[in-house]
Amino acid sequence: MDDTNLGCMTDNTTRLDHVVLWVRDPVTAADFYEKAVGLEPVRIPEFISGEAPFPSVRLNDETILDLMPLTAAEHMKMLPGAADSSGHPVNHVCLALPGGAFDELRTRLTERSAPVSDLSYDSFGARGKAKRSFYFRDPDGNVFEARHYE
């Protein structure tokens, strides 16, 4: 790494804090992520009562997925054109899991008839080649890859 990148890494690690997904119904989306993907819902009661603008699901102790209602798109003013991103999901988000959790995820998705791809082998990612991976789609059309390394 060259010295120009060192300033942004105060503890030698850049971490992913959150990803915001556009969803039609945040409560339904949270239910999918809890029951099919196995992620813990965050702020559901607060969202339902109107105290929070959106709920989230916890990926791990450091990372959440925010479930932003499409109706909030018109209020996105942080950058010019930010509201235009509504309905345009990212290409995909990749989740790395241990082997057993990987198999359990695939089983839960299949049981719920969620669209899943065939397995791929040795695809490259942040930690090198993953032993196995597959893609799935959430009810709002967001695409995820699940993978596990040795």
Foldseek 3Di string as FASTA:
>chain_A
DDPVPVVVQPPVDDDAQEAEDEDADQVVLQVCCCQQVNWAKACPVCCVVVNDQWIWTDLDPRYIYTHHYLVCLVVPDPDVPSSVCRPPADPAAEREDAPVSLVSNVVSCVVVVWDKADKDAQDQDPVGGFGIKIWTAGPSGHIYMYTYHD
